[in-house]
Amino acid sequence: MAESKLMGFVRKTKNGNAVTVSVDTEAFKNAETYTTKAGKKYVSMIINLAKLQQLLKGETQFTTVNQIVS
């Protein structure tokens, strides 16, 4: 069964024209990875689209970045 693991947070910048993604270094170090055919390793993270839209509209101050783990 898959579960969601908190990795960090997303916030709008002060001027509002970008978002800042902050990932906890310990969570990143312990995150599950996958390897591409080219041999590159990646950490897959997700941001809930509805929550991101609320952030972009100014309806919330931040939202979370998560990883789905098995």
N, C-alpha and C. Protein backbone atom coordinates (compact mmCIF):
# COMPACT_ATOMS: atom_id res chain seq x y z
N MET A 1 0.85 -1.19 0.00
CA MET A 1 0.00 0.00 0.00
C MET A 1 0.89 1.24 0.00
N ALA A 2 0.59 2.18 -0.86
CA ALA A 2 1.37 3.41 -0.98
C ALA A 2 0.93 4.42 0.08
N GLU A 3 1.89 5.20 0.52
CA GLU A 3 1.60 6.28 1.46
C GLU A 3 2.33 7.54 1.02
N SER A 4 1.91 8.67 1.53
CA SER A 4 2.49 9.96 1.19
C SER A 4 3.46 10.37 2.28
N LYS A 5 4.67 10.75 1.87
CA LYS A 5 5.71 11.19 2.81
C LYS A 5 5.99 12.68 2.57
N LEU A 6 5.92 13.47 3.63
CA LEU A 6 6.19 14.90 3.52
C LEU A 6 7.65 15.14 3.18
N MET A 7 7.89 15.92 2.13
CA MET A 7 9.25 16.24 1.70
C MET A 7 9.60 17.71 1.95
N GLY A 8 8.59 18.58 1.86
CA GLY A 8 8.86 20.01 2.02
C GLY A 8 7.62 20.83 1.73
N PHE A 9 7.87 22.09 1.36
CA PHE A 9 6.78 23.04 1.17
C PHE A 9 7.01 23.91 -0.07
N VAL A 10 5.91 24.45 -0.60
CA VAL A 10 5.95 25.40 -1.71
C VAL A 10 5.28 26.68 -1.24
N ARG A 11 5.94 27.82 -1.52
CA ARG A 11 5.40 29.13 -1.18
C ARG A 11 5.57 30.07 -2.38
N LYS A 12 4.71 31.08 -2.47
CA LYS A 12 4.91 32.12 -3.47
C LYS A 12 6.02 33.04 -3.00
N THR A 13 6.79 33.57 -3.95
CA THR A 13 7.80 34.56 -3.60
C THR A 13 7.11 35.86 -3.18
N LYS A 14 7.86 36.74 -2.55
CA LYS A 14 7.27 38.00 -2.06
C LYS A 14 6.67 38.83 -3.18
N ASN A 15 7.32 38.84 -4.36
CA ASN A 15 6.76 39.62 -5.46
C ASN A 15 5.68 38.85 -6.23
N GLY A 16 5.48 37.59 -5.90
CA GLY A 16 4.37 36.82 -6.44
C GLY A 16 4.52 36.30 -7.85
N ASN A 17 5.71 36.43 -8.45
CA ASN A 17 5.84 35.97 -9.83
C ASN A 17 6.57 34.63 -9.97
N ALA A 18 6.77 33.94 -8.85
CA ALA A 18 7.41 32.62 -8.86
C ALA A 18 7.03 31.88 -7.58
N VAL A 19 7.38 30.60 -7.53
CA VAL A 19 7.19 29.83 -6.30
C VAL A 19 8.55 29.34 -5.82
N THR A 20 8.66 29.21 -4.52
CA THR A 20 9.86 28.67 -3.90
C THR A 20 9.54 27.27 -3.39
N VAL A 21 10.38 26.31 -3.77
CA VAL A 21 10.23 24.94 -3.31
C VAL A 21 11.33 24.68 -2.29
N SER A 22 10.94 24.35 -1.07
CA SER A 22 11.90 24.06 0.00
C SER A 22 11.75 22.59 0.39
N VAL A 23 12.82 21.83 0.23
CA VAL A 23 12.80 20.40 0.52
C VAL A 23 13.70 20.14 1.72
N ASP A 24 13.17 19.42 2.71
CA ASP A 24 13.94 19.05 3.89
C ASP A 24 15.10 18.15 3.47
N THR A 25 16.31 18.50 3.86
CA THR A 25 17.49 17.75 3.43
C THR A 25 17.49 16.32 3.94
N GLU A 26 17.00 16.10 5.15
CA GLU A 26 16.95 14.74 5.70
C GLU A 26 15.92 13.89 4.93
N ALA A 27 14.78 14.48 4.60
CA ALA A 27 13.76 13.78 3.83
C ALA A 27 14.30 13.44 2.43
N PHE A 28 15.03 14.38 1.84
CA PHE A 28 15.59 14.15 0.51
C PHE A 28 16.63 13.04 0.55
N LYS A 29 17.47 13.06 1.56
CA LYS A 29 18.51 12.04 1.71
C LYS A 29 17.90 10.64 1.84
N ASN A 30 16.76 10.54 2.51
CA ASN A 30 16.11 9.26 2.76
C ASN A 30 15.03 8.91 1.73
N ALA A 31 14.86 9.74 0.72
CA ALA A 31 13.78 9.54 -0.26
C ALA A 31 14.06 8.35 -1.17
N GLU A 32 12.97 7.74 -1.65
CA GLU A 32 13.08 6.69 -2.65
C GLU A 32 13.50 7.31 -3.97
N THR A 33 14.32 6.61 -4.73
CA THR A 33 14.79 7.11 -6.02
C THR A 33 14.42 6.12 -7.12
N TYR A 34 14.51 6.60 -8.34
CA TYR A 34 14.38 5.72 -9.50
C TYR A 34 15.50 6.07 -10.47
N THR A 35 15.87 5.13 -11.31
CA THR A 35 16.97 5.31 -12.25
C THR A 35 16.42 5.21 -13.67
N THR A 36 16.82 6.15 -14.52
CA THR A 36 16.40 6.16 -15.91
C THR A 36 17.24 5.19 -16.73
N LYS A 37 16.83 4.95 -17.96
CA LYS A 37 17.60 4.10 -18.86
C LYS A 37 18.99 4.67 -19.10
N ALA A 38 19.12 5.99 -19.00
CA ALA A 38 20.42 6.65 -19.20
C ALA A 38 21.30 6.56 -17.96
N GLY A 39 20.77 5.96 -16.88
CA GLY A 39 21.57 5.78 -15.68
C GLY A 39 21.49 6.92 -14.68
N LYS A 40 20.66 7.93 -14.95
CA LYS A 40 20.50 9.06 -14.02
C LYS A 40 19.53 8.68 -12.91
N LYS A 41 19.83 9.12 -11.68
CA LYS A 41 18.95 8.87 -10.53
C LYS A 41 18.14 10.12 -10.22
N TYR A 42 16.87 9.90 -9.91
CA TYR A 42 15.96 10.99 -9.59
C TYR A 42 15.14 10.66 -8.35
N VAL A 43 14.67 11.73 -7.69
CA VAL A 43 13.71 11.62 -6.60
C VAL A 43 12.39 12.17 -7.14
N SER A 44 11.36 11.35 -7.13
CA SER A 44 10.06 11.77 -7.63
C SER A 44 9.26 12.39 -6.48
N MET A 45 8.76 13.61 -6.70
CA MET A 45 7.95 14.30 -5.70
C MET A 45 6.69 14.82 -6.37
N ILE A 46 5.64 14.99 -5.59
CA ILE A 46 4.37 15.48 -6.13
C ILE A 46 3.88 16.70 -5.33
N ILE A 47 3.12 17.54 -6.04
CA ILE A 47 2.42 18.67 -5.43
C ILE A 47 0.98 18.56 -5.90
N ASN A 48 0.05 18.57 -4.97
CA ASN A 48 -1.37 18.49 -5.30
C ASN A 48 -1.74 19.70 -6.16
N LEU A 49 -2.27 19.43 -7.34
CA LEU A 49 -2.57 20.50 -8.29
C LEU A 49 -3.62 21.48 -7.77
N ALA A 50 -4.66 20.98 -7.12
CA ALA A 50 -5.70 21.86 -6.58
C ALA A 50 -5.12 22.77 -5.50
N LYS A 51 -4.25 22.22 -4.65
CA LYS A 51 -3.61 23.02 -3.60
C LYS A 51 -2.65 24.05 -4.20
N LEU A 52 -1.94 23.66 -5.28
CA LEU A 52 -1.04 24.59 -5.95
C LEU A 52 -1.82 25.74 -6.58
N GLN A 53 -2.98 25.44 -7.16
CA GLN A 53 -3.82 26.49 -7.74
C GLN A 53 -4.32 27.45 -6.65
N GLN A 54 -4.66 26.91 -5.47
CA GLN A 54 -5.07 27.77 -4.36
C GLN A 54 -3.92 28.69 -3.95
N LEU A 55 -2.72 28.14 -3.92
CA LEU A 55 -1.54 28.94 -3.59
C LEU A 55 -1.35 30.06 -4.61
N LEU A 56 -1.43 29.73 -5.88
CA LEU A 56 -1.22 30.72 -6.94
C LEU A 56 -2.29 31.81 -6.94
N LYS A 57 -3.50 31.47 -6.50
CA LYS A 57 -4.60 32.46 -6.41
C LYS A 57 -4.52 33.28 -5.13
N GLY A 58 -3.60 32.94 -4.23
CA GLY A 58 -3.49 33.67 -2.97
C GLY A 58 -4.45 33.21 -1.90
N GLU A 59 -5.08 32.06 -2.09
CA GLU A 59 -6.05 31.54 -1.13
C GLU A 59 -5.39 30.83 0.04
N THR A 60 -4.12 30.49 -0.09
CA THR A 60 -3.37 29.85 0.99
C THR A 60 -1.92 30.34 0.92
N GLN A 61 -1.20 30.22 2.02
CA GLN A 61 0.18 30.74 2.08
C GLN A 61 1.21 29.73 1.61
N PHE A 62 0.88 28.44 1.71
CA PHE A 62 1.83 27.40 1.30
C PHE A 62 1.09 26.10 1.03
N THR A 63 1.77 25.17 0.39
CA THR A 63 1.27 23.81 0.25
C THR A 63 2.45 22.86 0.36
N THR A 64 2.18 21.59 0.41
CA THR A 64 3.24 20.62 0.67
C THR A 64 3.78 19.97 -0.60
N VAL A 65 5.01 19.50 -0.49
CA VAL A 65 5.65 18.66 -1.50
C VAL A 65 5.78 17.29 -0.86
N ASN A 66 5.32 16.26 -1.56
CA ASN A 66 5.29 14.91 -0.99
C ASN A 66 5.94 13.91 -1.93
N GLN A 67 6.20 12.74 -1.38
CA GLN A 67 6.63 11.61 -2.19
C GLN A 67 5.71 10.45 -1.88
N ILE A 68 5.25 9.79 -2.93
CA ILE A 68 4.44 8.59 -2.73
C ILE A 68 5.42 7.42 -2.61
N VAL A 69 5.35 6.73 -1.47
CA VAL A 69 6.25 5.60 -1.21
C VAL A 69 5.45 4.32 -1.07
N SER A 70 6.08 3.22 -1.46
CA SER A 70 5.38 1.93 -1.39
C SER A 70 5.66 1.20 -0.09
